[in-house]
Amino acid sequence: MLKLTREIRIEWGHCDPARIVYNPNYYHWMEGGLLELFFAAGHDMAPIMKKDEAFRGTPLVRGDAVFKAPARLGDLIVHHIAISRWGRTSFDVAHHFTLGDTTLLEATQTRVWARAHPDDPNGIIPVEIPENVKAALSSDISIHQSLHQETLHNPV
């Protein structure tokens, strides 16, 4: 399966009064990571949704997360993401967040490929995932997105 890893620098706004990452941020990063994974596979969701007005994306229908260790201000964590299961209309996404050798969080999400319900445009129905999407996300490639930060050199 296509594997994506991306670095995330923990900023002040990511933390709660206990000075650790406020846990809803992980869900935000999981959503962004999934979009990046699709983009890396050549399936950018924005143009897909623009081109097909009935397409409703990949809504989350189940999510499980186990928090194992905290991340703090200034930490550089790594988000590992890959599709772990394909169904006809649904798929599972595996998320793993690390800080060095320490696992911070492990999560699995089940999502469906969705379109507008034909009888109710406000509703959605799961539909078969296109084979070209499955093939692109099943390729045996690893992609790493790194943060490039400038290093300040202070000659003394």
N, C-alpha and C. Protein backbone atom coordinates (compact mmCIF):
# COMPACT_ATOMS: atom_id res chain seq x y z
N MET A 1 0.84 -1.20 0.00
CA MET A 1 0.00 0.00 0.00
C MET A 1 0.88 1.25 0.00
N LEU A 2 0.35 2.32 -0.57
CA LEU A 2 1.02 3.61 -0.54
C LEU A 2 1.10 4.08 0.91
N LYS A 3 2.29 4.46 1.33
CA LYS A 3 2.49 4.94 2.70
C LYS A 3 2.98 6.38 2.65
N LEU A 4 2.37 7.21 3.47
CA LEU A 4 2.76 8.61 3.57
C LEU A 4 3.18 8.89 5.00
N THR A 5 4.32 9.55 5.15
CA THR A 5 4.70 10.06 6.46
C THR A 5 4.88 11.56 6.31
N ARG A 6 4.43 12.28 7.32
CA ARG A 6 4.56 13.73 7.27
C ARG A 6 4.91 14.26 8.66
N GLU A 7 5.79 15.22 8.66
CA GLU A 7 6.23 15.82 9.92
C GLU A 7 5.28 16.95 10.32
N ILE A 8 5.05 17.04 11.62
CA ILE A 8 4.19 18.10 12.16
C ILE A 8 4.93 18.71 13.35
N ARG A 9 5.19 20.02 13.29
CA ARG A 9 5.82 20.72 14.41
C ARG A 9 4.70 21.17 15.35
N ILE A 10 4.81 20.81 16.63
CA ILE A 10 3.78 21.19 17.60
C ILE A 10 3.94 22.67 17.96
N GLU A 11 2.87 23.41 17.72
CA GLU A 11 2.85 24.84 17.96
C GLU A 11 2.04 25.17 19.21
N TRP A 12 2.17 26.39 19.67
CA TRP A 12 1.47 26.85 20.87
C TRP A 12 -0.04 26.56 20.80
N GLY A 13 -0.64 26.87 19.67
CA GLY A 13 -2.08 26.71 19.52
C GLY A 13 -2.54 25.26 19.48
N HIS A 14 -1.63 24.31 19.34
CA HIS A 14 -1.99 22.89 19.36
C HIS A 14 -2.16 22.36 20.78
N CYS A 15 -1.68 23.13 21.76
CA CYS A 15 -1.60 22.62 23.13
C CYS A 15 -2.73 23.15 24.01
N ASP A 16 -3.03 22.38 25.05
CA ASP A 16 -4.05 22.76 26.03
C ASP A 16 -3.37 23.30 27.29
N PRO A 17 -4.13 23.70 28.31
CA PRO A 17 -3.50 24.25 29.52
C PRO A 17 -2.55 23.27 30.23
N ALA A 18 -2.66 21.98 29.95
CA ALA A 18 -1.73 21.00 30.53
C ALA A 18 -0.41 20.96 29.76
N ARG A 19 -0.32 21.79 28.72
CA ARG A 19 0.89 21.93 27.89
C ARG A 19 1.18 20.69 27.04
N ILE A 20 0.12 19.94 26.73
CA ILE A 20 0.25 18.82 25.80
C ILE A 20 -0.71 19.05 24.65
N VAL A 21 -0.52 18.29 23.56
CA VAL A 21 -1.39 18.45 22.40
C VAL A 21 -2.83 18.16 22.80
N TYR A 22 -3.71 19.11 22.50
CA TYR A 22 -5.14 18.95 22.71
C TYR A 22 -5.61 17.88 21.74
N ASN A 23 -6.20 16.78 22.25
CA ASN A 23 -6.42 15.60 21.42
C ASN A 23 -7.25 15.80 20.15
N PRO A 24 -8.20 16.74 20.06
CA PRO A 24 -8.89 16.91 18.77
C PRO A 24 -7.96 17.30 17.62
N ASN A 25 -6.78 17.83 17.94
CA ASN A 25 -5.84 18.17 16.87
C ASN A 25 -5.41 16.93 16.09
N TYR A 26 -5.32 15.79 16.77
CA TYR A 26 -4.96 14.56 16.05
C TYR A 26 -6.00 14.22 14.99
N TYR A 27 -7.27 14.45 15.29
CA TYR A 27 -8.32 14.17 14.30
C TYR A 27 -8.22 15.13 13.12
N HIS A 28 -7.87 16.36 13.40
CA HIS A 28 -7.63 17.35 12.33
C HIS A 28 -6.46 16.88 11.45
N TRP A 29 -5.39 16.43 12.08
CA TRP A 29 -4.22 15.96 11.32
C TRP A 29 -4.53 14.68 10.55
N MET A 30 -5.37 13.82 11.10
CA MET A 30 -5.76 12.60 10.38
C MET A 30 -6.53 12.96 9.11
N GLU A 31 -7.43 13.92 9.22
CA GLU A 31 -8.20 14.36 8.05
C GLU A 31 -7.27 14.94 6.99
N GLY A 32 -6.38 15.82 7.42
CA GLY A 32 -5.42 16.41 6.48
C GLY A 32 -4.49 15.36 5.88
N GLY A 33 -4.08 14.40 6.69
CA GLY A 33 -3.21 13.33 6.20
C GLY A 33 -3.88 12.49 5.13
N LEU A 34 -5.17 12.22 5.32
CA LEU A 34 -5.89 11.45 4.31
C LEU A 34 -5.95 12.21 2.99
N LEU A 35 -6.23 13.51 3.06
CA LEU A 35 -6.26 14.33 1.84
C LEU A 35 -4.89 14.33 1.16
N GLU A 36 -3.81 14.41 1.95
CA GLU A 36 -2.45 14.37 1.40
C GLU A 36 -2.15 13.02 0.76
N LEU A 37 -2.63 11.94 1.37
CA LEU A 37 -2.43 10.61 0.82
C LEU A 37 -3.11 10.49 -0.54
N PHE A 38 -4.36 10.94 -0.63
CA PHE A 38 -5.07 10.92 -1.90
C PHE A 38 -4.36 11.80 -2.93
N PHE A 39 -3.91 12.98 -2.51
CA PHE A 39 -3.19 13.89 -3.41
C PHE A 39 -1.92 13.22 -3.92
N ALA A 40 -1.16 12.57 -3.03
CA ALA A 40 0.08 11.90 -3.42
C ALA A 40 -0.19 10.77 -4.42
N ALA A 41 -1.38 10.19 -4.35
CA ALA A 41 -1.75 9.11 -5.26
C ALA A 41 -2.34 9.64 -6.58
N GLY A 42 -2.39 10.96 -6.72
CA GLY A 42 -2.92 11.55 -7.95
C GLY A 42 -4.42 11.76 -7.95
N HIS A 43 -5.02 11.76 -6.76
CA HIS A 43 -6.47 11.94 -6.64
C HIS A 43 -6.78 13.07 -5.67
N ASP A 44 -6.59 14.29 -6.15
CA ASP A 44 -6.86 15.49 -5.36
C ASP A 44 -8.37 15.65 -5.23
N MET A 45 -8.85 15.66 -3.99
CA MET A 45 -10.30 15.68 -3.76
C MET A 45 -10.99 16.95 -4.25
N ALA A 46 -10.32 18.10 -4.19
CA ALA A 46 -10.97 19.35 -4.60
C ALA A 46 -11.42 19.30 -6.07
N PRO A 47 -10.55 18.97 -7.02
CA PRO A 47 -11.01 18.88 -8.41
C PRO A 47 -12.03 17.76 -8.64
N ILE A 48 -11.88 16.66 -7.89
CA ILE A 48 -12.85 15.56 -8.05
C ILE A 48 -14.25 16.06 -7.67
N MET A 49 -14.33 16.78 -6.56
CA MET A 49 -15.63 17.28 -6.11
C MET A 49 -16.17 18.37 -7.02
N LYS A 50 -15.28 19.16 -7.60
CA LYS A 50 -15.71 20.21 -8.54
C LYS A 50 -16.27 19.59 -9.82
N LYS A 51 -15.61 18.54 -10.27
CA LYS A 51 -15.99 17.89 -11.52
C LYS A 51 -17.28 17.07 -11.37
N ASP A 52 -17.48 16.49 -10.20
CA ASP A 52 -18.64 15.61 -9.97
C ASP A 52 -19.45 16.17 -8.80
N GLU A 53 -20.49 16.94 -9.11
CA GLU A 53 -21.27 17.61 -8.06
C GLU A 53 -21.97 16.65 -7.11
N ALA A 54 -22.17 15.41 -7.51
CA ALA A 54 -22.84 14.44 -6.64
C ALA A 54 -21.87 13.74 -5.68
N PHE A 55 -20.56 13.84 -5.95
CA PHE A 55 -19.57 13.20 -5.09
C PHE A 55 -19.52 13.94 -3.75
N ARG A 56 -19.57 13.19 -2.66
CA ARG A 56 -19.60 13.78 -1.32
C ARG A 56 -18.35 13.45 -0.51
N GLY A 57 -17.33 12.92 -1.16
CA GLY A 57 -16.08 12.68 -0.45
C GLY A 57 -16.03 11.32 0.21
N THR A 58 -15.28 11.26 1.32
CA THR A 58 -15.07 10.00 2.04
C THR A 58 -15.42 10.20 3.51
N PRO A 59 -16.70 10.30 3.82
CA PRO A 59 -17.09 10.57 5.21
C PRO A 59 -16.65 9.46 6.16
N LEU A 60 -16.32 9.87 7.35
CA LEU A 60 -15.93 8.97 8.42
C LEU A 60 -17.17 8.29 8.99
N VAL A 61 -17.14 6.95 9.06
CA VAL A 61 -18.27 6.22 9.65
C VAL A 61 -17.87 5.51 10.94
N ARG A 62 -16.56 5.38 11.16
CA ARG A 62 -16.09 4.79 12.41
C ARG A 62 -14.66 5.27 12.66
N GLY A 63 -14.36 5.56 13.91
CA GLY A 63 -13.02 5.97 14.28
C GLY A 63 -12.64 5.44 15.64
N ASP A 64 -11.47 4.85 15.74
CA ASP A 64 -10.94 4.35 17.00
C ASP A 64 -9.54 4.92 17.17
N ALA A 65 -9.26 5.44 18.35
CA ALA A 65 -7.92 5.97 18.62
C ALA A 65 -7.48 5.56 20.02
N VAL A 66 -6.19 5.24 20.13
CA VAL A 66 -5.59 4.93 21.42
C VAL A 66 -4.45 5.91 21.62
N PHE A 67 -4.59 6.74 22.65
CA PHE A 67 -3.57 7.72 22.99
C PHE A 67 -2.57 7.05 23.92
N LYS A 68 -1.28 7.06 23.55
CA LYS A 68 -0.28 6.32 24.31
C LYS A 68 0.73 7.21 25.03
N ALA A 69 1.01 8.39 24.49
CA ALA A 69 1.97 9.29 25.12
C ALA A 69 1.68 10.71 24.62
N PRO A 70 2.04 11.72 25.41
CA PRO A 70 1.75 13.10 25.00
C PRO A 70 2.83 13.68 24.08
N ALA A 71 2.43 14.68 23.31
CA ALA A 71 3.36 15.51 22.55
C ALA A 71 3.25 16.91 23.13
N ARG A 72 4.35 17.65 23.06
CA ARG A 72 4.41 18.97 23.69
C ARG A 72 4.93 20.03 22.72
N LEU A 73 4.75 21.26 23.12
CA LEU A 73 5.20 22.42 22.35
C LEU A 73 6.63 22.22 21.87
N GLY A 74 6.84 22.43 20.57
CA GLY A 74 8.17 22.33 19.99
C GLY A 74 8.53 20.95 19.47
N ASP A 75 7.78 19.92 19.87
CA ASP A 75 8.08 18.57 19.39
C ASP A 75 7.86 18.48 17.88
N LEU A 76 8.68 17.68 17.23
CA LEU A 76 8.50 17.36 15.82
C LEU A 76 8.01 15.92 15.76
N ILE A 77 6.71 15.77 15.51
CA ILE A 77 6.12 14.43 15.48
C ILE A 77 5.97 13.98 14.03
N VAL A 78 5.79 12.68 13.85
CA VAL A 78 5.61 12.13 12.50
C VAL A 78 4.29 11.39 12.44
N HIS A 79 3.52 11.69 11.41
CA HIS A 79 2.23 11.05 11.16
C HIS A 79 2.44 10.06 10.02
N HIS A 80 2.22 8.78 10.32
CA HIS A 80 2.32 7.70 9.32
C HIS A 80 0.89 7.34 8.94
N ILE A 81 0.61 7.26 7.65
CA ILE A 81 -0.76 7.00 7.20
C ILE A 81 -0.75 6.07 5.98
N ALA A 82 -1.68 5.11 5.98
CA ALA A 82 -1.83 4.19 4.84
C ALA A 82 -3.22 3.59 4.88
N ILE A 83 -3.69 3.16 3.72
CA ILE A 83 -4.94 2.41 3.66
C ILE A 83 -4.62 1.00 4.14
N SER A 84 -5.40 0.49 5.08
CA SER A 84 -5.12 -0.84 5.62
C SER A 84 -6.12 -1.90 5.16
N ARG A 85 -7.24 -1.47 4.57
CA ARG A 85 -8.24 -2.43 4.08
C ARG A 85 -9.09 -1.76 3.01
N TRP A 86 -9.37 -2.52 1.96
CA TRP A 86 -10.32 -2.09 0.93
C TRP A 86 -11.56 -2.95 0.99
N GLY A 87 -12.71 -2.32 0.94
CA GLY A 87 -13.97 -3.01 0.74
C GLY A 87 -14.54 -2.55 -0.59
N ARG A 88 -15.78 -2.90 -0.86
CA ARG A 88 -16.41 -2.47 -2.10
C ARG A 88 -16.74 -0.98 -2.06
N THR A 89 -17.31 -0.51 -0.93
CA THR A 89 -17.70 0.89 -0.79
C THR A 89 -16.98 1.59 0.37
N SER A 90 -16.24 0.82 1.16
CA SER A 90 -15.58 1.39 2.33
C SER A 90 -14.11 1.01 2.35
N PHE A 91 -13.36 1.72 3.17
CA PHE A 91 -11.94 1.41 3.34
C PHE A 91 -11.51 1.85 4.74
N ASP A 92 -10.46 1.22 5.23
CA ASP A 92 -9.90 1.57 6.54
C ASP A 92 -8.59 2.30 6.34
N VAL A 93 -8.36 3.28 7.17
CA VAL A 93 -7.13 4.07 7.15
C VAL A 93 -6.43 3.87 8.48
N ALA A 94 -5.13 3.51 8.41
CA ALA A 94 -4.33 3.33 9.62
C ALA A 94 -3.49 4.59 9.83
N HIS A 95 -3.56 5.13 11.04
CA HIS A 95 -2.79 6.31 11.43
C HIS A 95 -1.89 5.94 12.60
N HIS A 96 -0.66 6.40 12.55
CA HIS A 96 0.30 6.13 13.62
C HIS A 96 1.10 7.43 13.80
N PHE A 97 1.07 7.98 15.00
CA PHE A 97 1.83 9.20 15.29
C PHE A 97 2.98 8.84 16.22
N THR A 98 4.18 9.32 15.88
CA THR A 98 5.35 9.01 16.68
C THR A 98 6.16 10.26 17.00
N LEU A 99 6.94 10.16 18.06
CA LEU A 99 7.94 11.16 18.43
C LEU A 99 9.20 10.36 18.68
N GLY A 100 10.11 10.38 17.71
CA GLY A 100 11.26 9.50 17.79
C GLY A 100 10.78 8.06 17.75
N ASP A 101 11.20 7.28 18.73
CA ASP A 101 10.79 5.87 18.81
C ASP A 101 9.53 5.67 19.65
N THR A 102 8.95 6.77 20.15
CA THR A 102 7.78 6.68 21.03
C THR A 102 6.49 6.79 20.21
N THR A 103 5.60 5.84 20.39
CA THR A 103 4.28 5.91 19.77
C THR A 103 3.40 6.83 20.60
N LEU A 104 2.84 7.85 19.95
CA LEU A 104 1.95 8.80 20.63
C LEU A 104 0.49 8.37 20.51
N LEU A 105 0.11 7.92 19.33
CA LEU A 105 -1.28 7.58 19.06
C LEU A 105 -1.34 6.56 17.93
N GLU A 106 -2.26 5.60 18.06
CA GLU A 106 -2.58 4.68 16.98
C GLU A 106 -4.08 4.79 16.75
N ALA A 107 -4.47 4.89 15.49
CA ALA A 107 -5.89 5.06 15.18
C ALA A 107 -6.24 4.33 13.89
N THR A 108 -7.50 3.94 13.81
CA THR A 108 -8.05 3.36 12.59
C THR A 108 -9.36 4.09 12.30
N GLN A 109 -9.54 4.43 11.05
CA GLN A 109 -10.78 5.07 10.61
C GLN A 109 -11.39 4.22 9.50
N THR A 110 -12.70 4.09 9.52
CA THR A 110 -13.43 3.48 8.41
C THR A 110 -14.18 4.60 7.70
N ARG A 111 -14.00 4.64 6.39
CA ARG A 111 -14.62 5.69 5.58
C ARG A 111 -15.36 5.05 4.42
N VAL A 112 -16.30 5.77 3.88
CA VAL A 112 -17.04 5.30 2.70
C VAL A 112 -16.84 6.28 1.56
N TRP A 113 -16.92 5.74 0.35
CA TRP A 113 -16.92 6.56 -0.87
C TRP A 113 -18.37 6.95 -1.05
N ALA A 114 -18.68 8.24 -1.05
CA ALA A 114 -20.08 8.65 -0.97
C ALA A 114 -20.50 9.58 -2.10
N ARG A 115 -21.77 9.45 -2.43
CA ARG A 115 -22.42 10.33 -3.41
C ARG A 115 -23.71 10.84 -2.80
N ALA A 116 -24.26 11.87 -3.39
CA ALA A 116 -25.56 12.38 -2.95
C ALA A 116 -26.61 11.30 -3.19
N HIS A 117 -27.52 11.18 -2.26
CA HIS A 117 -28.62 10.23 -2.41
C HIS A 117 -29.49 10.70 -3.57
N PRO A 118 -29.84 9.81 -4.51
CA PRO A 118 -30.60 10.25 -5.69
C PRO A 118 -31.98 10.81 -5.36
N ASP A 119 -32.57 10.37 -4.25
CA ASP A 119 -33.91 10.85 -3.88
C ASP A 119 -33.88 11.96 -2.84
N ASP A 120 -32.71 12.22 -2.28
CA ASP A 120 -32.58 13.24 -1.24
C ASP A 120 -31.19 13.87 -1.36
N PRO A 121 -31.06 15.00 -2.07
CA PRO A 121 -29.75 15.62 -2.28
C PRO A 121 -29.03 16.01 -1.00
N ASN A 122 -29.77 16.08 0.13
CA ASN A 122 -29.12 16.39 1.40
C ASN A 122 -28.58 15.12 2.07
N GLY A 123 -28.96 13.97 1.56
CA GLY A 123 -28.49 12.70 2.11
C GLY A 123 -27.34 12.15 1.28
N ILE A 124 -26.67 11.14 1.80
CA ILE A 124 -25.59 10.50 1.06
C ILE A 124 -25.79 8.99 1.07
N ILE A 125 -25.17 8.34 0.09
CA ILE A 125 -25.17 6.89 0.03
C ILE A 125 -23.75 6.43 -0.32
N PRO A 126 -23.35 5.28 0.25
CA PRO A 126 -22.05 4.74 -0.15
C PRO A 126 -22.14 4.12 -1.54
N VAL A 127 -21.09 4.31 -2.32
CA VAL A 127 -21.04 3.74 -3.67
C VAL A 127 -19.68 3.05 -3.85
N GLU A 128 -19.59 2.27 -4.89
CA GLU A 128 -18.36 1.51 -5.14
C GLU A 128 -17.17 2.45 -5.35
N ILE A 129 -16.07 2.11 -4.71
CA ILE A 129 -14.83 2.89 -4.85
C ILE A 129 -14.25 2.61 -6.23
N PRO A 130 -13.92 3.64 -7.00
CA PRO A 130 -13.35 3.42 -8.33
C PRO A 130 -12.06 2.59 -8.27
N GLU A 131 -11.92 1.67 -9.20
CA GLU A 131 -10.74 0.79 -9.23
C GLU A 131 -9.45 1.58 -9.41
N ASN A 132 -9.48 2.68 -10.18
CA ASN A 132 -8.25 3.46 -10.38
C ASN A 132 -7.79 4.12 -9.07
N VAL A 133 -8.72 4.46 -8.20
CA VAL A 133 -8.38 5.02 -6.89
C VAL A 133 -7.74 3.94 -6.03
N LYS A 134 -8.37 2.77 -5.99
CA LYS A 134 -7.80 1.65 -5.24
C LYS A 134 -6.40 1.31 -5.72
N ALA A 135 -6.23 1.24 -7.03
CA ALA A 135 -4.92 0.89 -7.61
C ALA A 135 -3.86 1.91 -7.22
N ALA A 136 -4.19 3.20 -7.33
CA ALA A 136 -3.21 4.25 -7.02
C ALA A 136 -2.80 4.21 -5.55
N LEU A 137 -3.77 3.96 -4.67
CA LEU A 137 -3.48 3.93 -3.23
C LEU A 137 -2.93 2.59 -2.77
N SER A 138 -2.90 1.61 -3.66
CA SER A 138 -2.35 0.30 -3.34
C SER A 138 -0.93 0.12 -3.84
N SER A 139 -0.39 1.13 -4.51
CA SER A 139 0.97 1.03 -5.04
C SER A 139 1.97 0.93 -3.88
N ASP A 140 3.05 0.22 -4.13
CA ASP A 140 4.06 -0.03 -3.09
C ASP A 140 5.09 1.10 -3.09
N ILE A 141 4.65 2.27 -2.62
CA ILE A 141 5.50 3.47 -2.60
C ILE A 141 5.41 4.09 -1.22
N SER A 142 6.53 4.65 -0.76
CA SER A 142 6.55 5.40 0.49
C SER A 142 6.94 6.84 0.18
N ILE A 143 6.19 7.78 0.73
CA ILE A 143 6.45 9.21 0.52
C ILE A 143 6.63 9.85 1.88
N HIS A 144 7.66 10.68 2.00
CA HIS A 144 7.92 11.39 3.25
C HIS A 144 7.84 12.89 3.01
N GLN A 145 6.96 13.55 3.75
CA GLN A 145 6.85 15.02 3.68
C GLN A 145 7.58 15.58 4.89
N SER A 146 8.62 16.34 4.62
CA SER A 146 9.47 16.87 5.68
C SER A 146 9.26 18.37 5.83
N LEU A 147 9.41 18.85 7.05
CA LEU A 147 9.40 20.29 7.28
C LEU A 147 10.81 20.80 7.07
N HIS A 148 10.96 21.79 6.24
CA HIS A 148 12.28 22.38 6.02
C HIS A 148 12.33 23.67 6.80
N GLN A 149 13.16 23.68 7.82
CA GLN A 149 13.26 24.87 8.65
C GLN A 149 14.63 25.50 8.49
N GLU A 150 14.65 26.80 8.52
CA GLU A 150 15.92 27.51 8.45
C GLU A 150 16.62 27.37 9.80
N THR A 151 17.93 27.25 9.73
CA THR A 151 18.72 27.21 10.95
C THR A 151 19.40 28.57 11.11
N LEU A 152 19.22 29.15 12.25
CA LEU A 152 19.79 30.46 12.52
C LEU A 152 21.21 30.26 13.04
N HIS A 153 22.16 30.83 12.35
CA HIS A 153 23.54 30.73 12.78
C HIS A 153 23.93 32.04 13.42
N ASN A 154 24.35 32.00 14.64
CA ASN A 154 24.71 33.21 15.38
C ASN A 154 26.22 33.22 15.59
N PRO A 155 26.94 33.92 14.70
CA PRO A 155 28.39 33.98 14.88
C PRO A 155 28.75 34.80 16.12
N VAL A 156 29.48 34.19 17.01
CA VAL A 156 29.86 34.89 18.24
C VAL A 156 31.33 35.17 18.26
